[in-house]
PDB file of all heavy atoms in Angstrom:
ATOM      1  N   GLY A   1      -4.156  11.266 -16.795  1.00  0.00           N
ATOM      2  CA  GLY A   1      -2.688  11.244 -16.511  1.00  0.00           C
ATOM      3  C   GLY A   1      -2.257  10.185 -15.576  1.00  0.00           C
ATOM      4  O   GLY A   1      -3.037   9.307 -15.172  1.00  0.00           O
ATOM      5  N   SER A   2      -0.964  10.212 -15.211  1.00  0.00           N
ATOM      6  CA  SER A   2      -0.354   9.181 -14.397  1.00  0.00           C
ATOM      7  C   SER A   2       0.459   9.799 -13.268  1.00  0.00           C
ATOM      8  O   SER A   2       0.948  10.987 -13.361  1.00  0.00           O
ATOM      9  CB  SER A   2       0.596   8.330 -15.281  1.00  0.00           C
ATOM     10  OG  SER A   2      -0.074   7.615 -16.298  1.00  0.00           O
ATOM     11  N   LEU A   3       0.537   9.074 -12.185  1.00  0.00           N
ATOM     12  CA  LEU A   3       1.417   9.449 -11.060  1.00  0.00           C
ATOM     13  C   LEU A   3       2.030   8.109 -10.495  1.00  0.00           C
ATOM     14  O   LEU A   3       1.378   7.058 -10.606  1.00  0.00           O
ATOM     15  CB  LEU A   3       0.639  10.136  -9.962  1.00  0.00           C
ATOM     16  CG  LEU A   3       0.326  11.637 -10.138  1.00  0.00           C
ATOM     17  CD1 LEU A   3      -0.564  12.099  -8.967  1.00  0.00           C
ATOM     18  CD2 LEU A   3       1.569  12.467 -10.221  1.00  0.00           C
ATOM     19  N   ARG A   4       3.159   8.293  -9.961  1.00  0.00           N
ATOM     20  CA  ARG A   4       3.784   7.135  -9.232  1.00  0.00           C
ATOM     21  C   ARG A   4       4.015   7.501  -7.810  1.00  0.00           C
ATOM     22  O   ARG A   4       4.825   8.487  -7.516  1.00  0.00           O
ATOM     23  CB  ARG A   4       5.023   6.715  -9.906  1.00  0.00           C
ATOM     24  CG  ARG A   4       5.690   5.407  -9.325  1.00  0.00           C
ATOM     25  CD  ARG A   4       6.917   5.044 -10.131  1.00  0.00           C
ATOM     26  NE  ARG A   4       7.544   3.806  -9.631  1.00  0.00           N
ATOM     27  CZ  ARG A   4       7.142   2.619 -10.037  1.00  0.00           C
ATOM     28  NH1 ARG A   4       6.190   2.509 -10.934  1.00  0.00           N
ATOM     29  NH2 ARG A   4       7.828   1.520  -9.577  1.00  0.00           N
ATOM     30  N   LEU A   5       3.467   6.807  -6.853  1.00  0.00           N
ATOM     31  CA  LEU A   5       3.634   6.987  -5.445  1.00  0.00           C
ATOM     32  C   LEU A   5       4.680   6.076  -4.968  1.00  0.00           C
ATOM     33  O   LEU A   5       4.686   4.851  -5.351  1.00  0.00           O
ATOM     34  CB  LEU A   5       2.312   6.828  -4.675  1.00  0.00           C
ATOM     35  CG  LEU A   5       1.102   7.652  -5.078  1.00  0.00           C
ATOM     36  CD1 LEU A   5      -0.087   7.415  -4.175  1.00  0.00           C
ATOM     37  CD2 LEU A   5       1.476   9.128  -5.197  1.00  0.00           C
ATOM     38  N   SER A   6       5.531   6.537  -4.064  1.00  0.00           N
ATOM     39  CA  SER A   6       6.534   5.665  -3.466  1.00  0.00           C
ATOM     40  C   SER A   6       6.405   5.733  -1.916  1.00  0.00           C
ATOM     41  O   SER A   6       6.049   6.702  -1.392  1.00  0.00           O
ATOM     42  CB  SER A   6       7.948   6.137  -3.864  1.00  0.00           C
ATOM     43  OG  SER A   6       8.153   5.839  -5.240  1.00  0.00           O
ATOM     44  N   CYS A   7       6.716   4.555  -1.326  1.00  0.00           N
ATOM     45  CA  CYS A   7       6.696   4.472   0.139  1.00  0.00           C
ATOM     46  C   CYS A   7       7.987   3.916   0.600  1.00  0.00           C
ATOM     47  O   CYS A   7       8.314   2.761   0.263  1.00  0.00           O
ATOM     48  CB  CYS A   7       5.585   3.562   0.603  1.00  0.00           C
ATOM     49  SG  CYS A   7       5.564   3.185   2.389  1.00  0.00           S
ATOM     50  N   ALA A   8       8.792   4.741   1.337  1.00  0.00           N
ATOM     51  CA  ALA A   8      10.078   4.285   1.805  1.00  0.00           C
ATOM     52  C   ALA A   8       9.954   3.843   3.242  1.00  0.00           C
ATOM     53  O   ALA A   8       9.529   4.658   4.078  1.00  0.00           O
ATOM     54  CB  ALA A   8      11.065   5.419   1.695  1.00  0.00           C
ATOM     55  N   ALA A   9      10.412   2.667   3.456  1.00  0.00           N
ATOM     56  CA  ALA A   9      10.243   2.118   4.871  1.00  0.00           C
ATOM     57  C   ALA A   9      11.677   2.168   5.623  1.00  0.00           C
ATOM     58  O   ALA A   9      12.650   2.133   4.921  1.00  0.00           O
ATOM     59  CB  ALA A   9       9.754   0.615   4.846  1.00  0.00           C
ATOM     60  N   SER A  10      11.569   2.240   6.916  1.00  0.00           N
ATOM     61  CA  SER A  10      12.806   2.332   7.694  1.00  0.00           C
ATOM     62  C   SER A  10      13.464   0.953   7.940  1.00  0.00           C
ATOM     63  O   SER A  10      14.559   0.918   8.502  1.00  0.00           O
ATOM     64  CB  SER A  10      12.506   3.005   9.069  1.00  0.00           C
ATOM     65  OG  SER A  10      11.534   2.257   9.805  1.00  0.00           O
ATOM     66  N   ARG A  11      12.798  -0.108   7.474  1.00  0.00           N
ATOM     67  CA  ARG A  11      13.450  -1.410   7.546  1.00  0.00           C
ATOM     68  C   ARG A  11      12.924  -2.224   6.344  1.00  0.00           C
ATOM     69  O   ARG A  11      12.012  -1.817   5.676  1.00  0.00           O
ATOM     70  CB  ARG A  11      13.088  -2.132   8.846  1.00  0.00           C
ATOM     71  CG  ARG A  11      11.658  -2.664   8.957  1.00  0.00           C
ATOM     72  CD  ARG A  11      11.402  -3.287  10.325  1.00  0.00           C
ATOM     73  NE  ARG A  11      10.239  -4.106  10.289  1.00  0.00           N
ATOM     74  CZ  ARG A  11       9.523  -4.320  11.421  1.00  0.00           C
ATOM     75  NH1 ARG A  11       9.859  -3.855  12.562  1.00  0.00           N
ATOM     76  NH2 ARG A  11       8.472  -5.168  11.295  1.00  0.00           N
ATOM     77  N   SER A  12      13.519  -3.355   6.155  1.00  0.00           N
ATOM     78  CA  SER A  12      13.160  -4.165   4.980  1.00  0.00           C
ATOM     79  C   SER A  12      11.734  -4.478   4.888  1.00  0.00           C
ATOM     80  O   SER A  12      11.113  -4.886   5.854  1.00  0.00           O
ATOM     81  CB  SER A  12      13.991  -5.479   5.010  1.00  0.00           C
ATOM     82  OG  SER A  12      13.512  -6.304   4.001  1.00  0.00           O
ATOM     83  N   ILE A  13      11.137  -4.233   3.715  1.00  0.00           N
ATOM     84  CA  ILE A  13       9.725  -4.536   3.529  1.00  0.00           C
ATOM     85  C   ILE A  13       9.423  -5.984   3.638  1.00  0.00           C
ATOM     86  O   ILE A  13       8.294  -6.366   3.817  1.00  0.00           O
ATOM     87  CB  ILE A  13       9.196  -3.865   2.182  1.00  0.00           C
ATOM     88  CG1 ILE A  13       9.883  -4.509   1.023  1.00  0.00           C
ATOM     89  CG2 ILE A  13       9.361  -2.363   2.233  1.00  0.00           C
ATOM     90  CD1 ILE A  13       9.395  -4.001  -0.321  1.00  0.00           C
ATOM     91  N   PHE A  14      10.435  -6.799   3.420  1.00  0.00           N
ATOM     92  CA  PHE A  14      10.181  -8.232   3.481  1.00  0.00           C
ATOM     93  C   PHE A  14      10.036  -8.743   4.952  1.00  0.00           C
ATOM     94  O   PHE A  14       9.721  -9.858   5.101  1.00  0.00           O
ATOM     95  CB  PHE A  14      11.399  -8.978   2.802  1.00  0.00           C
ATOM     96  CG  PHE A  14      11.529  -8.650   1.320  1.00  0.00           C
ATOM     97  CD1 PHE A  14      12.417  -7.758   0.882  1.00  0.00           C
ATOM     98  CD2 PHE A  14      10.632  -9.239   0.439  1.00  0.00           C
ATOM     99  CE1 PHE A  14      12.518  -7.450  -0.500  1.00  0.00           C
ATOM    100  CE2 PHE A  14      10.727  -8.920  -0.911  1.00  0.00           C
ATOM    101  CZ  PHE A  14      11.626  -8.016  -1.369  1.00  0.00           C
ATOM    102  N   SER A  15      10.254  -7.868   5.915  1.00  0.00           N
ATOM    103  CA  SER A  15      10.012  -8.177   7.362  1.00  0.00           C
ATOM    104  C   SER A  15       8.526  -8.085   7.644  1.00  0.00           C
ATOM    105  O   SER A  15       8.108  -8.564   8.715  1.00  0.00           O
ATOM    106  CB  SER A  15      10.827  -7.280   8.172  1.00  0.00           C
ATOM    107  OG  SER A  15      10.307  -5.946   8.121  1.00  0.00           O
ATOM    108  N   PHE A  16       7.732  -7.519   6.731  1.00  0.00           N
ATOM    109  CA  PHE A  16       6.254  -7.340   6.976  1.00  0.00           C
ATOM    110  C   PHE A  16       5.450  -8.449   6.411  1.00  0.00           C
ATOM    111  O   PHE A  16       5.880  -9.096   5.398  1.00  0.00           O
ATOM    112  CB  PHE A  16       5.739  -6.020   6.385  1.00  0.00           C
ATOM    113  CG  PHE A  16       6.488  -4.784   6.956  1.00  0.00           C
ATOM    114  CD1 PHE A  16       7.312  -4.032   6.158  1.00  0.00           C
ATOM    115  CD2 PHE A  16       6.323  -4.441   8.294  1.00  0.00           C
ATOM    116  CE1 PHE A  16       7.937  -2.880   6.658  1.00  0.00           C
ATOM    117  CE2 PHE A  16       6.974  -3.330   8.782  1.00  0.00           C
ATOM    118  CZ  PHE A  16       7.802  -2.567   7.997  1.00  0.00           C
ATOM    119  N   TYR A  17       4.312  -8.660   6.940  1.00  0.00           N
ATOM    120  CA  TYR A  17       3.398  -9.678   6.419  1.00  0.00           C
ATOM    121  C   TYR A  17       2.885  -9.199   5.053  1.00  0.00           C
ATOM    122  O   TYR A  17       2.847  -9.960   4.090  1.00  0.00           O
ATOM    123  CB  TYR A  17       2.280  -9.889   7.374  1.00  0.00           C
ATOM    124  CG  TYR A  17       1.221 -10.859   6.797  1.00  0.00           C
ATOM    125  CD1 TYR A  17       1.397 -12.212   6.745  1.00  0.00           C
ATOM    126  CD2 TYR A  17      -0.017 -10.342   6.282  1.00  0.00           C
ATOM    127  CE1 TYR A  17       0.424 -13.086   6.203  1.00  0.00           C
ATOM    128  CE2 TYR A  17      -0.971 -11.202   5.777  1.00  0.00           C
ATOM    129  CZ  TYR A  17      -0.700 -12.548   5.716  1.00  0.00           C
ATOM    130  OH  TYR A  17      -1.663 -13.382   5.152  1.00  0.00           O
ATOM    131  N   ASP A  18       2.485  -7.941   5.001  1.00  0.00           N
ATOM    132  CA  ASP A  18       2.095  -7.318   3.770  1.00  0.00           C
ATOM    133  C   ASP A  18       2.172  -5.815   3.876  1.00  0.00           C
ATOM    134  O   ASP A  18       2.392  -5.226   4.971  1.00  0.00           O
ATOM    135  CB  ASP A  18       0.730  -7.736   3.281  1.00  0.00           C
ATOM    136  CG  ASP A  18      -0.406  -7.327   4.308  1.00  0.00           C
ATOM    137  OD1 ASP A  18      -0.140  -6.585   5.241  1.00  0.00           O
ATOM    138  OD2 ASP A  18      -1.580  -7.705   4.108  1.00  0.00           O
ATOM    139  N   MET A  19       2.146  -5.156   2.665  1.00  0.00           N
ATOM    140  CA  MET A  19       2.080  -3.677   2.619  1.00  0.00           C
ATOM    141  C   MET A  19       0.998  -3.315   1.641  1.00  0.00           C
ATOM    142  O   MET A  19       0.746  -4.025   0.706  1.00  0.00           O
ATOM    143  CB  MET A  19       3.473  -3.179   2.183  1.00  0.00           C
ATOM    144  CG  MET A  19       4.609  -3.420   3.182  1.00  0.00           C
ATOM    145  SD  MET A  19       6.098  -2.531   2.794  1.00  0.00           S
ATOM    146  CE  MET A  19       5.568  -0.801   3.089  1.00  0.00           C
ATOM    147  N   GLY A  20       0.484  -2.110   1.883  1.00  0.00           N
ATOM    148  CA  GLY A  20      -0.621  -1.677   1.048  1.00  0.00           C
ATOM    149  C   GLY A  20      -0.723  -0.199   0.933  1.00  0.00           C
ATOM    150  O   GLY A  20      -0.023   0.539   1.634  1.00  0.00           O
ATOM    151  N   TRP A  21      -1.489   0.244   0.010  1.00  0.00           N
ATOM    152  CA  TRP A  21      -1.868   1.652  -0.184  1.00  0.00           C
ATOM    153  C   TRP A  21      -3.349   1.803   0.120  1.00  0.00           C
ATOM    154  O   TRP A  21      -4.180   1.042  -0.433  1.00  0.00           O
ATOM    155  CB  TRP A  21      -1.504   2.095  -1.595  1.00  0.00           C
ATOM    156  CG  TRP A  21      -0.070   2.254  -1.853  1.00  0.00           C
ATOM    157  CD1 TRP A  21       0.778   1.346  -2.419  1.00  0.00           C
ATOM    158  CD2 TRP A  21       0.701   3.428  -1.650  1.00  0.00           C
ATOM    159  NE1 TRP A  21       2.016   1.920  -2.469  1.00  0.00           N
ATOM    160  CE2 TRP A  21       2.042   3.162  -2.017  1.00  0.00           C
ATOM    161  CE3 TRP A  21       0.378   4.695  -1.105  1.00  0.00           C
ATOM    162  CZ2 TRP A  21       3.062   4.115  -1.910  1.00  0.00           C
ATOM    163  CZ3 TRP A  21       1.387   5.614  -0.966  1.00  0.00           C
ATOM    164  CH2 TRP A  21       2.704   5.330  -1.352  1.00  0.00           C
ATOM    165  N   TYR A  22      -3.673   2.767   0.896  1.00  0.00           N
ATOM    166  CA  TYR A  22      -5.054   3.065   1.238  1.00  0.00           C
ATOM    167  C   TYR A  22      -5.231   4.522   0.762  1.00  0.00           C
ATOM    168  O   TYR A  22      -4.275   5.298   0.513  1.00  0.00           O
ATOM    169  CB  TYR A  22      -5.294   3.073   2.790  1.00  0.00           C
ATOM    170  CG  TYR A  22      -5.333   1.623   3.305  1.00  0.00           C
ATOM    171  CD1 TYR A  22      -4.261   0.853   3.455  1.00  0.00           C
ATOM    172  CD2 TYR A  22      -6.604   1.159   3.814  1.00  0.00           C
ATOM    173  CE1 TYR A  22      -4.343  -0.424   3.997  1.00  0.00           C
ATOM    174  CE2 TYR A  22      -6.730  -0.086   4.370  1.00  0.00           C
ATOM    175  CZ  TYR A  22      -5.564  -0.905   4.485  1.00  0.00           C
ATOM    176  OH  TYR A  22      -5.663  -2.126   5.011  1.00  0.00           O
ATOM    177  N   ARG A  23      -6.510   4.914   0.642  1.00  0.00           N
ATOM    178  CA  ARG A  23      -6.826   6.288   0.332  1.00  0.00           C
ATOM    179  C   ARG A  23      -8.052   6.724   1.065  1.00  0.00           C
ATOM    180  O   ARG A  23      -8.931   5.923   1.402  1.00  0.00           O
ATOM    181  CB  ARG A  23      -6.996   6.506  -1.199  1.00  0.00           C
ATOM    182  CG  ARG A  23      -8.231   5.828  -1.799  1.00  0.00           C
ATOM    183  CD  ARG A  23      -8.216   5.966  -3.302  1.00  0.00           C
ATOM    184  NE  ARG A  23      -9.339   5.281  -3.882  1.00  0.00           N
ATOM    185  CZ  ARG A  23      -9.526   5.131  -5.196  1.00  0.00           C
ATOM    186  NH1 ARG A  23      -8.599   5.626  -6.087  1.00  0.00           N
ATOM    187  NH2 ARG A  23     -10.582   4.520  -5.737  1.00  0.00           N
ATOM    188  N   GLN A  24      -8.104   8.066   1.309  1.00  0.00           N
ATOM    189  CA  GLN A  24      -9.294   8.583   1.973  1.00  0.00           C
ATOM    190  C   GLN A  24      -9.625   9.924   1.317  1.00  0.00           C
ATOM    191  O   GLN A  24      -8.818  10.825   1.300  1.00  0.00           O
ATOM    192  CB  GLN A  24      -9.010   8.762   3.482  1.00  0.00           C
ATOM    193  CG  GLN A  24     -10.219   9.248   4.251  1.00  0.00           C
ATOM    194  CD  GLN A  24      -9.988   9.132   5.713  1.00  0.00           C
ATOM    195  OE1 GLN A  24      -8.870   9.054   6.279  1.00  0.00           O
ATOM    196  NE2 GLN A  24     -11.098   9.058   6.462  1.00  0.00           N
ATOM    197  N   ALA A  25     -10.858   9.969   0.759  1.00  0.00           N
ATOM    198  CA  ALA A  25     -11.380  11.154   0.157  1.00  0.00           C
ATOM    199  C   ALA A  25     -12.183  11.927   1.233  1.00  0.00           C
ATOM    200  O   ALA A  25     -12.672  11.312   2.191  1.00  0.00           O
ATOM    201  CB  ALA A  25     -12.238  10.856  -1.076  1.00  0.00           C
ATOM    202  N   PRO A  26     -12.343  13.250   1.056  1.00  0.00           N
ATOM    203  CA  PRO A  26     -13.133  13.990   2.026  1.00  0.00           C
ATOM    204  C   PRO A  26     -14.536  13.418   2.225  1.00  0.00           C
ATOM    205  O   PRO A  26     -15.222  13.128   1.276  1.00  0.00           O
ATOM    206  CB  PRO A  26     -13.213  15.342   1.367  1.00  0.00           C
ATOM    207  CG  PRO A  26     -12.067  15.419   0.563  1.00  0.00           C
ATOM    208  CD  PRO A  26     -11.783  14.079  -0.022  1.00  0.00           C
ATOM    209  N   GLY A  27     -14.903  13.156   3.512  1.00  0.00           N
ATOM    210  CA  GLY A  27     -16.202  12.728   3.789  1.00  0.00           C
ATOM    211  C   GLY A  27     -16.417  11.232   3.570  1.00  0.00           C
ATOM    212  O   GLY A  27     -17.517  10.745   3.723  1.00  0.00           O
ATOM    213  N   ARG A  28     -15.332  10.529   3.259  1.00  0.00           N
ATOM    214  CA  ARG A  28     -15.440   9.098   2.986  1.00  0.00           C
ATOM    215  C   ARG A  28     -14.527   8.324   3.883  1.00  0.00           C
ATOM    216  O   ARG A  28     -13.593   8.873   4.466  1.00  0.00           O
ATOM    217  CB  ARG A  28     -15.118   8.793   1.492  1.00  0.00           C
ATOM    218  CG  ARG A  28     -16.037   9.589   0.534  1.00  0.00           C
ATOM    219  CD  ARG A  28     -15.867   9.024  -0.864  1.00  0.00           C
ATOM    220  NE  ARG A  28     -16.387   7.674  -0.980  1.00  0.00           N
ATOM    221  CZ  ARG A  28     -16.420   7.002  -2.134  1.00  0.00           C
ATOM    222  NH1 ARG A  28     -16.002   7.644  -3.222  1.00  0.00           N
ATOM    223  NH2 ARG A  28     -16.874   5.784  -2.194  1.00  0.00           N
ATOM    224  N   GLN A  29     -14.788   7.073   4.089  1.00  0.00           N
ATOM    225  CA  GLN A  29     -13.920   6.184   4.862  1.00  0.00           C
ATOM    226  C   GLN A  29     -12.709   5.803   4.117  1.00  0.00           C
ATOM    227  O   GLN A  29     -12.649   5.781   2.836  1.00  0.00           O
ATOM    228  CB  GLN A  29     -14.736   4.936   5.304  1.00  0.00           C
ATOM    229  CG  GLN A  29     -15.843   5.110   6.272  1.00  0.00           C
ATOM    230  CD  GLN A  29     -16.413   3.835   6.802  1.00  0.00           C
ATOM    231  OE1 GLN A  29     -16.383   2.859   6.095  1.00  0.00           O
ATOM    232  NE2 GLN A  29     -16.794   3.813   8.066  1.00  0.00           N
ATOM    233  N   ARG A  30     -11.663   5.561   4.863  1.00  0.00           N
ATOM    234  CA  ARG A  30     -10.389   5.127   4.258  1.00  0.00           C
ATOM    235  C   ARG A  30     -10.613   3.748   3.638  1.00  0.00           C
ATOM    236  O   ARG A  30     -11.251   2.893   4.310  1.00  0.00           O
ATOM    237  CB  ARG A  30      -9.296   5.066   5.312  1.00  0.00           C
ATOM    238  CG  ARG A  30      -7.887   4.842   4.810  1.00  0.00           C
ATOM    239  CD  ARG A  30      -6.854   4.967   5.910  1.00  0.00           C
ATOM    240  NE  ARG A  30      -6.780   6.311   6.408  1.00  0.00           N
ATOM    241  CZ  ARG A  30      -5.800   6.728   7.209  1.00  0.00           C
ATOM    242  NH1 ARG A  30      -4.901   5.893   7.576  1.00  0.00           N
ATOM    243  NH2 ARG A  30      -5.822   7.934   7.735  1.00  0.00           N
ATOM    244  N   GLU A  31     -10.141   3.555   2.414  1.00  0.00           N
ATOM    245  CA  GLU A  31     -10.348   2.291   1.771  1.00  0.00           C
ATOM    246  C   GLU A  31      -8.951   1.743   1.288  1.00  0.00           C
ATOM    247  O   GLU A  31      -7.999   2.469   0.922  1.00  0.00           O
ATOM    248  CB  GLU A  31     -11.279   2.399   0.605  1.00  0.00           C
ATOM    249  CG  GLU A  31     -10.765   3.217  -0.571  1.00  0.00           C
ATOM    250  CD  GLU A  31     -11.633   3.168  -1.813  1.00  0.00           C
ATOM    251  OE1 GLU A  31     -12.531   2.245  -1.885  1.00  0.00           O
ATOM    252  OE2 GLU A  31     -11.390   3.946  -2.768  1.00  0.00           O
ATOM    253  N   LEU A  32      -8.904   0.365   1.271  1.00  0.00           N
ATOM    254  CA  LEU A  32      -7.700  -0.299   0.685  1.00  0.00           C
ATOM    255  C   LEU A  32      -7.733  -0.154  -0.792  1.00  0.00           C
ATOM    256  O   LEU A  32      -8.734  -0.515  -1.421  1.00  0.00           O
ATOM    257  CB  LEU A  32      -7.700  -1.719   1.182  1.00  0.00           C
ATOM    258  CG  LEU A  32      -6.559  -2.554   0.584  1.00  0.00           C
ATOM    259  CD1 LEU A  32      -5.216  -2.066   1.054  1.00  0.00           C
ATOM    260  CD2 LEU A  32      -6.700  -4.067   0.969  1.00  0.00           C
ATOM    261  N   VAL A  33      -6.662   0.331  -1.428  1.00  0.00           N
ATOM    262  CA  VAL A  33      -6.550   0.489  -2.802  1.00  0.00           C
ATOM    263  C   VAL A  33      -5.806  -0.706  -3.420  1.00  0.00           C
ATOM    264  O   VAL A  33      -6.282  -1.293  -4.419  1.00  0.00           O
ATOM    265  CB  VAL A  33      -5.830   1.727  -3.213  1.00  0.00           C
ATOM    266  CG1 VAL A  33      -5.636   1.840  -4.727  1.00  0.00           C
ATOM    267  CG2 VAL A  33      -6.558   2.980  -2.703  1.00  0.00           C
ATOM    268  N   ALA A  34      -4.681  -1.077  -2.823  1.00  0.00           N
ATOM    269  CA  ALA A  34      -3.849  -2.160  -3.329  1.00  0.00           C
ATOM    270  C   ALA A  34      -3.032  -2.727  -2.249  1.00  0.00           C
ATOM    271  O   ALA A  34      -2.658  -1.984  -1.300  1.00  0.00           O
ATOM    272  CB  ALA A  34      -2.967  -1.715  -4.476  1.00  0.00           C
ATOM    273  N   ASP A  35      -2.733  -4.065  -2.340  1.00  0.00           N
ATOM    274  CA  ASP A  35      -1.945  -4.710  -1.263  1.00  0.00           C
ATOM    275  C   ASP A  35      -1.010  -5.739  -1.916  1.00  0.00           C
ATOM    276  O   ASP A  35      -1.347  -6.247  -2.999  1.00  0.00           O
ATOM    277  CB  ASP A  35      -2.950  -5.430  -0.356  1.00  0.00           C
ATOM    278  CG  ASP A  35      -2.257  -6.181   0.745  1.00  0.00           C
ATOM    279  OD1 ASP A  35      -1.921  -5.509   1.720  1.00  0.00           O
ATOM    280  OD2 ASP A  35      -2.018  -7.365   0.589  1.00  0.00           O
ATOM    281  N   ILE A  36       0.151  -5.830  -1.301  1.00  0.00           N
ATOM    282  CA  ILE A  36       1.080  -6.892  -1.777  1.00  0.00           C
ATOM    283  C   ILE A  36       1.604  -7.623  -0.613  1.00  0.00           C
ATOM    284  O   ILE A  36       2.032  -7.000   0.436  1.00  0.00           O
ATOM    285  CB  ILE A  36       2.249  -6.228  -2.605  1.00  0.00           C
ATOM    286  CG1 ILE A  36       3.157  -7.319  -3.220  1.00  0.00           C
ATOM    287  CG2 ILE A  36       3.028  -5.256  -1.821  1.00  0.00           C
ATOM    288  CD1 ILE A  36       4.028  -6.817  -4.262  1.00  0.00           C
ATOM    289  N   THR A  37       1.545  -8.933  -0.661  1.00  0.00           N
ATOM    290  CA  THR A  37       1.994  -9.811   0.479  1.00  0.00           C
ATOM    291  C   THR A  37       3.505 -10.017   0.384  1.00  0.00           C
ATOM    292  O   THR A  37       4.153  -9.740  -0.614  1.00  0.00           O
ATOM    293  CB  THR A  37       1.258 -11.131   0.478  1.00  0.00           C
ATOM    294  OG1 THR A  37       1.725 -11.904  -0.638  1.00  0.00           O
ATOM    295  CG2 THR A  37      -0.236 -10.967   0.420  1.00  0.00           C
ATOM    296  N   GLY A  38       4.072 -10.644   1.455  1.00  0.00           N
ATOM    297  CA  GLY A  38       5.448 -10.943   1.401  1.00  0.00           C
ATOM    298  C   GLY A  38       5.819 -11.884   0.239  1.00  0.00           C
ATOM    299  O   GLY A  38       6.896 -11.890  -0.264  1.00  0.00           O
ATOM    300  N   GLY A  39       4.845 -12.755  -0.143  1.00  0.00           N
ATOM    301  CA  GLY A  39       5.068 -13.655  -1.164  1.00  0.00           C
ATOM    302  C   GLY A  39       4.815 -13.080  -2.574  1.00  0.00           C
ATOM    303  O   GLY A  39       5.071 -13.791  -3.615  1.00  0.00           O
ATOM    304  N   GLY A  40       4.438 -11.792  -2.629  1.00  0.00           N
ATOM    305  CA  GLY A  40       4.242 -11.145  -3.901  1.00  0.00           C
ATOM    306  C   GLY A  40       2.875 -11.137  -4.438  1.00  0.00           C
ATOM    307  O   GLY A  40       2.615 -10.569  -5.541  1.00  0.00           O
ATOM    308  N   ALA A  41       1.900 -11.697  -3.751  1.00  0.00           N
ATOM    309  CA  ALA A  41       0.547 -11.713  -4.216  1.00  0.00           C
ATOM    310  C   ALA A  41      -0.045 -10.295  -4.075  1.00  0.00           C
ATOM    311  O   ALA A  41       0.213  -9.655  -3.068  1.00  0.00           O
ATOM    312  CB  ALA A  41      -0.320 -12.724  -3.466  1.00  0.00           C
ATOM    313  N   THR A  42      -0.787  -9.913  -5.073  1.00  0.00           N
ATOM    314  CA  THR A  42      -1.407  -8.564  -5.043  1.00  0.00           C
ATOM    315  C   THR A  42      -2.892  -8.615  -5.079  1.00  0.00           C
ATOM    316  O   THR A  42      -3.534  -9.563  -5.563  1.00  0.00           O
ATOM    317  CB  THR A  42      -0.920  -7.727  -6.285  1.00  0.00           C
ATOM    318  OG1 THR A  42      -1.273  -8.402  -7.464  1.00  0.00           O
ATOM    319  CG2 THR A  42       0.597  -7.518  -6.220  1.00  0.00           C
ATOM    320  N   THR A  43      -3.489  -7.577  -4.510  1.00  0.00           N
ATOM    321  CA  THR A  43      -4.959  -7.413  -4.406  1.00  0.00           C
ATOM    322  C   THR A  43      -5.241  -5.941  -4.805  1.00  0.00           C
ATOM    323  O   THR A  43      -4.541  -5.091  -4.331  1.00  0.00           O
ATOM    324  CB  THR A  43      -5.470  -7.754  -3.077  1.00  0.00           C
ATOM    325  OG1 THR A  43      -5.057  -9.026  -2.668  1.00  0.00           O
ATOM    326  CG2 THR A  43      -6.986  -7.632  -2.997  1.00  0.00           C
TER     327      THR A  43
END
């Protein structure tokens, strides 16, 4: 299946160097899932 997560910021996201989504499963370390820079590059 599919889900769409949204993150609403209290100020313009273009004021940040980058934004990302992390996840943490039980018993595991938090890991970076995806990242987007101010220039639009994604990882």
